[in-house]
């Protein structure tokens, strides 16, 4: 899941980014509304974690921009204003969810995952190809019933490929969906990750290379 955090409290923003990356998410950070708007304009995010009170463009303005065209990006607002009236106001301008500070990190993660499922085309709660089964909620992958130990990036790559339903996914798309804005598009990052992922999954291989286009996991039938 690709996530943007727009939060002017830098220690909080950086702590959230670290925590969400440990949860396997690709996270970008903006410390003001204008930068958040710029990032959201050039990158498709599944979920934006948005502070309501921001320097530059306000959280309310940015939320309206993100949601006005009916796009797939989902917005969860974080704010110190936790009254019912504030919550109603936040939801009325397009926010999908609203969480008052202080909040519990596990609750934020759970809400973000729920929003992330709405941001992408509906997929089964468990993804599979042949005897490979990936459970996004439990963050587990099994092959023929045996647990496969994957890194966060390997897990993310496999999840994107399985979610594509047999469609080809380019290296650029994988970089965008699994890594973050700091990933160098000219490195061999995707190729190396794909190599280790294939090795861990074993034979027969389920990931096909489509020369000049990317990678795919053929859908059953």
C-alpha atoms as a PDB file:
ATOM      1  CA  UNK A   1       0.000   0.000   0.000  1.00  0.00           C
ATOM      2  CA  UNK A   2       1.347   3.454  -0.953  1.00  0.00           C
ATOM      3  CA  UNK A   3       0.761   6.035   1.766  1.00  0.00           C
ATOM      4  CA  UNK A   4       1.285   9.776   2.118  1.00  0.00           C
ATOM      5  CA  UNK A   5       1.521  11.364   5.576  1.00  0.00           C
ATOM      6  CA  UNK A   6       0.833  15.113   5.649  1.00  0.00           C
ATOM      7  CA  UNK A   7       1.643  16.277   9.174  1.00  0.00           C
ATOM      8  CA  UNK A   8       3.493  19.390  10.325  1.00  0.00           C
ATOM      9  CA  UNK A   9       4.586  17.910  13.654  1.00  0.00           C
ATOM     10  CA  UNK A  10       7.822  16.410  12.336  1.00  0.00           C
ATOM     11  CA  UNK A  11       8.505  14.004  15.232  1.00  0.00           C
ATOM     12  CA  UNK A  12       4.986  12.582  14.907  1.00  0.00           C
ATOM     13  CA  UNK A  13       5.164  12.399  11.105  1.00  0.00           C
ATOM     14  CA  UNK A  14       8.541  10.657  11.169  1.00  0.00           C
ATOM     15  CA  UNK A  15       7.447   8.230  13.897  1.00  0.00           C
ATOM     16  CA  UNK A  16       4.315   7.335  11.934  1.00  0.00           C
ATOM     17  CA  UNK A  17       6.383   6.810   8.784  1.00  0.00           C
ATOM     18  CA  UNK A  18       8.767   4.455  10.587  1.00  0.00           C
ATOM     19  CA  UNK A  19       5.918   2.490  12.125  1.00  0.00           C
ATOM     20  CA  UNK A  20       3.969   2.177   8.879  1.00  0.00           C
ATOM     21  CA  UNK A  21       7.077   1.072   6.992  1.00  0.00           C
ATOM     22  CA  UNK A  22       7.497  -1.690   9.568  1.00  0.00           C
ATOM     23  CA  UNK A  23       3.955  -2.694   8.635  1.00  0.00           C
ATOM     24  CA  UNK A  24       5.109  -3.146   5.046  1.00  0.00           C
ATOM     25  CA  UNK A  25       3.714   0.087   3.608  1.00  0.00           C
ATOM     26  CA  UNK A  26       5.528   2.419   1.188  1.00  0.00           C
ATOM     27  CA  UNK A  27       5.402   5.805   2.918  1.00  0.00           C
ATOM     28  CA  UNK A  28       6.105   9.368   1.763  1.00  0.00           C
ATOM     29  CA  UNK A  29       5.982  12.353   4.117  1.00  0.00           C
ATOM     30  CA  UNK A  30       5.075  16.028   3.682  1.00  0.00           C
ATOM     31  CA  UNK A  31       5.349  18.564   6.494  1.00  0.00           C
ATOM     32  CA  UNK A  32       2.976  21.172   5.056  1.00  0.00           C
ATOM     33  CA  UNK A  33      -0.132  21.318   2.916  1.00  0.00           C
ATOM     34  CA  UNK A  34       1.519  22.701  -0.201  1.00  0.00           C
ATOM     35  CA  UNK A  35       4.116  19.931  -0.315  1.00  0.00           C
ATOM     36  CA  UNK A  36       1.427  17.370   0.388  1.00  0.00           C
ATOM     37  CA  UNK A  37      -0.607  18.682  -2.528  1.00  0.00           C
ATOM     38  CA  UNK A  38       2.434  18.558  -4.816  1.00  0.00           C
ATOM     39  CA  UNK A  39       3.223  14.949  -3.881  1.00  0.00           C
ATOM     40  CA  UNK A  40      -0.404  13.850  -4.235  1.00  0.00           C
ATOM     41  CA  UNK A  41      -0.531  15.434  -7.689  1.00  0.00           C
ATOM     42  CA  UNK A  42       2.348  13.371  -9.083  1.00  0.00           C
ATOM     43  CA  UNK A  43       1.854  10.075  -7.223  1.00  0.00           C
ATOM     44  CA  UNK A  44      -1.216   7.887  -6.800  1.00  0.00           C
ATOM     45  CA  UNK A  45      -1.610   7.077  -3.118  1.00  0.00           C
ATOM     46  CA  UNK A  46      -3.932   4.469  -1.697  1.00  0.00           C
ATOM     47  CA  UNK A  47      -4.311   6.310   1.612  1.00  0.00           C
ATOM     48  CA  UNK A  48      -3.419   9.836   2.730  1.00  0.00           C
ATOM     49  CA  UNK A  49      -3.027  10.438   6.465  1.00  0.00           C
ATOM     50  CA  UNK A  50      -3.860  14.109   6.732  1.00  0.00           C
ATOM     51  CA  UNK A  51      -3.524  16.555   9.602  1.00  0.00           C
ATOM     52  CA  UNK A  52      -6.304  19.115   9.537  1.00  0.00           C
ATOM     53  CA  UNK A  53      -4.252  22.072  10.793  1.00  0.00           C
ATOM     54  CA  UNK A  54      -1.360  22.604   8.379  1.00  0.00           C
ATOM     55  CA  UNK A  55       0.839  25.482   7.250  1.00  0.00           C
ATOM     56  CA  UNK A  56       0.269  26.458   3.641  1.00  0.00           C
ATOM     57  CA  UNK A  57      -2.724  24.715   2.130  1.00  0.00           C
ATOM     58  CA  UNK A  58      -5.015  23.644   4.969  1.00  0.00           C
ATOM     59  CA  UNK A  59      -5.929  20.027   5.581  1.00  0.00           C
ATOM     60  CA  UNK A  60      -9.533  20.815   4.681  1.00  0.00           C
ATOM     61  CA  UNK A  61      -8.503  22.322   1.332  1.00  0.00           C
ATOM     62  CA  UNK A  62      -6.195  19.421   0.538  1.00  0.00           C
ATOM     63  CA  UNK A  63      -8.862  16.888   1.473  1.00  0.00           C
ATOM     64  CA  UNK A  64     -11.326  18.585  -0.867  1.00  0.00           C
ATOM     65  CA  UNK A  65      -8.741  18.537  -3.668  1.00  0.00           C
ATOM     66  CA  UNK A  66      -8.008  14.841  -3.162  1.00  0.00           C
ATOM     67  CA  UNK A  67     -11.628  13.743  -3.103  1.00  0.00           C
ATOM     68  CA  UNK A  68     -13.431  16.147  -5.461  1.00  0.00           C
ATOM     69  CA  UNK A  69     -12.936  14.061  -8.607  1.00  0.00           C
ATOM     70  CA  UNK A  70     -14.092  10.790  -7.078  1.00  0.00           C
ATOM     71  CA  UNK A  71     -10.600   9.282  -7.309  1.00  0.00           C
ATOM     72  CA  UNK A  72      -9.523   6.141  -5.550  1.00  0.00           C
ATOM     73  CA  UNK A  73      -7.341   7.824  -2.901  1.00  0.00           C
ATOM     74  CA  UNK A  74      -8.763   7.471   0.598  1.00  0.00           C
ATOM     75  CA  UNK A  75      -8.215  10.112   3.284  1.00  0.00           C
ATOM     76  CA  UNK A  76      -8.007   9.647   7.031  1.00  0.00           C
ATOM     77  CA  UNK A  77      -7.830  12.893   8.976  1.00  0.00           C
ATOM     78  CA  UNK A  78      -5.736  13.217  12.122  1.00  0.00           C
ATOM     79  CA  UNK A  79      -6.503  16.191  14.294  1.00  0.00           C
ATOM     80  CA  UNK A  80      -6.455  17.506  17.823  1.00  0.00           C
ATOM     81  CA  UNK A  81     -10.033  18.640  17.237  1.00  0.00           C
ATOM     82  CA  UNK A  82     -11.978  15.592  18.308  1.00  0.00           C
ATOM     83  CA  UNK A  83     -15.471  16.927  18.934  1.00  0.00           C
ATOM     84  CA  UNK A  84     -18.466  15.479  17.128  1.00  0.00           C
ATOM     85  CA  UNK A  85     -18.911  18.741  15.220  1.00  0.00           C
ATOM     86  CA  UNK A  86     -15.290  18.607  14.028  1.00  0.00           C
ATOM     87  CA  UNK A  87     -15.682  14.986  12.971  1.00  0.00           C
ATOM     88  CA  UNK A  88     -18.847  15.752  11.007  1.00  0.00           C
ATOM     89  CA  UNK A  89     -17.116  18.714   9.357  1.00  0.00           C
ATOM     90  CA  UNK A  90     -14.136  16.584   8.367  1.00  0.00           C
ATOM     91  CA  UNK A  91     -16.286  13.858   6.891  1.00  0.00           C
ATOM     92  CA  UNK A  92     -18.482  16.364   5.087  1.00  0.00           C
ATOM     93  CA  UNK A  93     -15.570  17.697   3.035  1.00  0.00           C
ATOM     94  CA  UNK A  94     -14.699  14.231   1.781  1.00  0.00           C
ATOM     95  CA  UNK A  95     -12.580  12.504   4.429  1.00  0.00           C
ATOM     96  CA  UNK A  96     -13.202   8.761   4.592  1.00  0.00           C
ATOM     97  CA  UNK A  97     -12.263   8.465   8.260  1.00  0.00           C
ATOM     98  CA  UNK A  98     -11.357  10.708  11.178  1.00  0.00           C
ATOM     99  CA  UNK A  99      -9.083   9.985  14.133  1.00  0.00           C
ATOM    100  CA  UNK A 100      -8.534  12.381  17.008  1.00  0.00           C
ATOM    101  CA  UNK A 101      -5.126  12.864  18.616  1.00  0.00           C
ATOM    102  CA  UNK A 102      -3.843  11.214  20.715  1.00  0.00           C
ATOM    103  CA  UNK A 103      -4.591   7.869  19.067  1.00  0.00           C
ATOM    104  CA  UNK A 104      -3.418   4.280  19.297  1.00  0.00           C
ATOM    105  CA  UNK A 105      -1.084   3.280  16.476  1.00  0.00           C
ATOM    106  CA  UNK A 106      -2.648  -0.203  16.016  1.00  0.00           C
ATOM    107  CA  UNK A 107      -6.048   1.443  15.523  1.00  0.00           C
ATOM    108  CA  UNK A 108      -4.608   3.769  12.884  1.00  0.00           C
ATOM    109  CA  UNK A 109      -3.047   0.807  11.044  1.00  0.00           C
ATOM    110  CA  UNK A 110      -6.322  -1.135  11.128  1.00  0.00           C
ATOM    111  CA  UNK A 111      -8.284   1.825   9.784  1.00  0.00           C
ATOM    112  CA  UNK A 112      -5.708   2.462   7.068  1.00  0.00           C
ATOM    113  CA  UNK A 113      -5.791  -1.155   5.918  1.00  0.00           C
ATOM    114  CA  UNK A 114      -9.592  -0.985   5.751  1.00  0.00           C
ATOM    115  CA  UNK A 115      -9.384   2.190   3.657  1.00  0.00           C
ATOM    116  CA  UNK A 116      -6.654   0.673   1.497  1.00  0.00           C
ATOM    117  CA  UNK A 117      -8.956  -2.176   0.555  1.00  0.00           C
ATOM    118  CA  UNK A 118     -11.478   0.401  -0.656  1.00  0.00           C
ATOM    119  CA  UNK A 119      -8.837   2.306  -2.616  1.00  0.00           C
ATOM    120  CA  UNK A 120      -8.063  -0.599  -4.915  1.00  0.00           C
ATOM    121  CA  UNK A 121     -10.313  -2.904  -6.922  1.00  0.00           C
ATOM    122  CA  UNK A 122     -11.926  -5.478  -4.683  1.00  0.00           C
ATOM    123  CA  UNK A 123      -9.670  -8.430  -4.018  1.00  0.00           C
ATOM    124  CA  UNK A 124     -10.297 -11.558  -1.983  1.00  0.00           C
ATOM    125  CA  UNK A 125      -9.213 -11.408   1.675  1.00  0.00           C
ATOM    126  CA  UNK A 126      -6.693 -14.119   0.790  1.00  0.00           C
ATOM    127  CA  UNK A 127      -4.748 -14.088  -2.494  1.00  0.00           C
ATOM    128  CA  UNK A 128      -3.522 -17.271  -4.136  1.00  0.00           C
ATOM    129  CA  UNK A 129      -1.886 -18.748  -7.209  1.00  0.00           C
ATOM    130  CA  UNK A 130      -1.487 -22.492  -7.409  1.00  0.00           C
ATOM    131  CA  UNK A 131      -0.382 -23.680  -3.992  1.00  0.00           C
ATOM    132  CA  UNK A 132       0.897 -20.226  -2.953  1.00  0.00           C
ATOM    133  CA  UNK A 133      -1.417 -18.432  -0.514  1.00  0.00           C
ATOM    134  CA  UNK A 134      -0.883 -14.863   0.692  1.00  0.00           C
ATOM    135  CA  UNK A 135      -2.875 -13.508   3.621  1.00  0.00           C
ATOM    136  CA  UNK A 136      -2.606  -9.686   3.696  1.00  0.00           C
ATOM    137  CA  UNK A 137      -4.213  -9.360   7.125  1.00  0.00           C
ATOM    138  CA  UNK A 138      -1.875 -11.838   8.812  1.00  0.00           C
ATOM    139  CA  UNK A 139       1.093 -10.852   6.639  1.00  0.00           C
ATOM    140  CA  UNK A 140       1.840 -14.485   5.863  1.00  0.00           C
ATOM    141  CA  UNK A 141       2.703 -16.445   2.740  1.00  0.00           C
ATOM    142  CA  UNK A 142       2.460 -20.225   2.510  1.00  0.00           C
ATOM    143  CA  UNK A 143       3.387 -22.648  -0.226  1.00  0.00           C
ATOM    144  CA  UNK A 144       1.844 -26.105  -0.075  1.00  0.00           C
ATOM    145  CA  UNK A 145       0.971 -25.276   3.528  1.00  0.00           C
ATOM    146  CA  UNK A 146       4.533 -24.379   4.536  1.00  0.00           C
ATOM    147  CA  UNK A 147       5.269 -20.870   5.781  1.00  0.00           C
ATOM    148  CA  UNK A 148       7.541 -18.830   3.491  1.00  0.00           C
ATOM    149  CA  UNK A 149       9.633 -16.204   5.265  1.00  0.00           C
ATOM    150  CA  UNK A 150       9.627 -13.039   3.123  1.00  0.00           C
ATOM    151  CA  UNK A 151      10.993  -9.553   3.701  1.00  0.00           C
ATOM    152  CA  UNK A 152       8.532  -6.652   3.653  1.00  0.00           C
ATOM    153  CA  UNK A 153       9.492  -5.718   0.107  1.00  0.00           C
ATOM    154  CA  UNK A 154       9.256  -9.320  -1.151  1.00  0.00           C
ATOM    155  CA  UNK A 155       5.838  -9.620   0.465  1.00  0.00           C
ATOM    156  CA  UNK A 156       4.748  -6.320  -1.097  1.00  0.00           C
ATOM    157  CA  UNK A 157       5.892  -7.359  -4.573  1.00  0.00           C
ATOM    158  CA  UNK A 158       4.075 -10.684  -4.356  1.00  0.00           C
ATOM    159  CA  UNK A 159       0.926  -8.989  -3.043  1.00  0.00           C
ATOM    160  CA  UNK A 160       0.891  -6.516  -5.944  1.00  0.00           C
ATOM    161  CA  UNK A 161       1.431  -9.284  -8.506  1.00  0.00           C
ATOM    162  CA  UNK A 162      -1.293 -11.507  -7.075  1.00  0.00           C
ATOM    163  CA  UNK A 163      -3.696  -8.565  -6.804  1.00  0.00           C
ATOM    164  CA  UNK A 164      -3.190  -7.772 -10.497  1.00  0.00           C
ATOM    165  CA  UNK A 165      -5.263 -10.811 -11.482  1.00  0.00           C
ATOM    166  CA  UNK A 166      -2.898 -12.044 -14.157  1.00  0.00           C
ATOM    167  CA  UNK A 167      -2.125  -8.619 -15.630  1.00  0.00           C
ATOM    168  CA  UNK A 168       1.457  -7.572 -16.315  1.00  0.00           C
ATOM    169  CA  UNK A 169       2.979  -5.248 -13.701  1.00  0.00           C
ATOM    170  CA  UNK A 170       5.950  -3.144 -14.778  1.00  0.00           C
ATOM    171  CA  UNK A 171       9.060  -2.560 -12.695  1.00  0.00           C
ATOM    172  CA  UNK A 172       8.061   1.110 -12.505  1.00  0.00           C
ATOM    173  CA  UNK A 173       4.656   0.191 -11.087  1.00  0.00           C
ATOM    174  CA  UNK A 174       6.279  -2.110  -8.526  1.00  0.00           C
ATOM    175  CA  UNK A 175       8.632   0.679  -7.456  1.00  0.00           C
ATOM    176  CA  UNK A 176       5.671   3.016  -7.043  1.00  0.00           C
ATOM    177  CA  UNK A 177       3.483   0.565  -5.151  1.00  0.00           C
ATOM    178  CA  UNK A 178       6.036  -1.159  -2.900  1.00  0.00           C
ATOM    179  CA  UNK A 179       8.866   1.296  -2.352  1.00  0.00           C
ATOM    180  CA  UNK A 180       8.581   5.064  -1.892  1.00  0.00           C
ATOM    181  CA  UNK A 181       9.719   8.340  -3.424  1.00  0.00           C
ATOM    182  CA  UNK A 182      13.314   7.740  -2.348  1.00  0.00           C
ATOM    183  CA  UNK A 183      13.672   4.624  -4.494  1.00  0.00           C
ATOM    184  CA  UNK A 184      16.100   5.099  -7.385  1.00  0.00           C
ATOM    185  CA  UNK A 185      14.335   4.034 -10.605  1.00  0.00           C
ATOM    186  CA  UNK A 186      17.693   3.293 -12.236  1.00  0.00           C
ATOM    187  CA  UNK A 187      18.828   0.690  -9.736  1.00  0.00           C
ATOM    188  CA  UNK A 188      18.348  -3.070  -9.956  1.00  0.00           C
ATOM    189  CA  UNK A 189      16.205  -3.022  -6.807  1.00  0.00           C
ATOM    190  CA  UNK A 190      13.149  -4.656  -8.366  1.00  0.00           C
ATOM    191  CA  UNK A 191      15.160  -7.259 -10.265  1.00  0.00           C
ATOM    192  CA  UNK A 192      17.143  -8.282  -7.186  1.00  0.00           C
ATOM    193  CA  UNK A 193      14.015  -8.441  -5.019  1.00  0.00           C
ATOM    194  CA  UNK A 194      12.286 -10.523  -7.678  1.00  0.00           C
ATOM    195  CA  UNK A 195      15.251 -12.913  -7.782  1.00  0.00           C
ATOM    196  CA  UNK A 196      15.212 -13.507  -4.019  1.00  0.00           C
ATOM    197  CA  UNK A 197      11.410 -13.792  -3.986  1.00  0.00           C
ATOM    198  CA  UNK A 198      11.460 -16.467  -6.682  1.00  0.00           C
ATOM    199  CA  UNK A 199      14.169 -18.370  -4.841  1.00  0.00           C
ATOM    200  CA  UNK A 200      12.184 -18.377  -1.603  1.00  0.00           C
ATOM    201  CA  UNK A 201       8.958 -19.459  -3.336  1.00  0.00           C
ATOM    202  CA  UNK A 202      10.763 -22.387  -4.963  1.00  0.00           C
ATOM    203  CA  UNK A 203       9.693 -24.536  -7.871  1.00  0.00           C
ATOM    204  CA  UNK A 204       7.655 -24.610  -9.948  1.00  0.00           C
ATOM    205  CA  UNK A 205       7.955 -20.866 -10.428  1.00  0.00           C
ATOM    206  CA  UNK A 206       4.734 -18.846 -10.450  1.00  0.00           C
ATOM    207  CA  UNK A 207       6.150 -15.447 -11.496  1.00  0.00           C
ATOM    208  CA  UNK A 208       6.647 -14.949 -15.222  1.00  0.00           C
ATOM    209  CA  UNK A 209       8.900 -12.323 -16.783  1.00  0.00           C
ATOM    210  CA  UNK A 210       7.289 -10.560 -19.739  1.00  0.00           C
ATOM    211  CA  UNK A 211      10.285  -9.239 -21.669  1.00  0.00           C
ATOM    212  CA  UNK A 212      10.159  -5.488 -22.119  1.00  0.00           C
ATOM    213  CA  UNK A 213       7.001  -5.140 -20.033  1.00  0.00           C
ATOM    214  CA  UNK A 214       7.368  -6.487 -16.500  1.00  0.00           C
ATOM    215  CA  UNK A 215       6.155  -9.432 -14.467  1.00  0.00           C
ATOM    216  CA  UNK A 216       2.961 -11.384 -14.012  1.00  0.00           C
ATOM    217  CA  UNK A 217       1.472 -14.250 -12.047  1.00  0.00           C
ATOM    218  CA  UNK A 218      -0.972 -16.026 -14.393  1.00  0.00           C
ATOM    219  CA  UNK A 219      -4.460 -16.262 -12.946  1.00  0.00           C
ATOM    220  CA  UNK A 220      -6.008 -19.673 -12.517  1.00  0.00           C
ATOM    221  CA  UNK A 221      -7.970 -20.864 -15.489  1.00  0.00           C
END
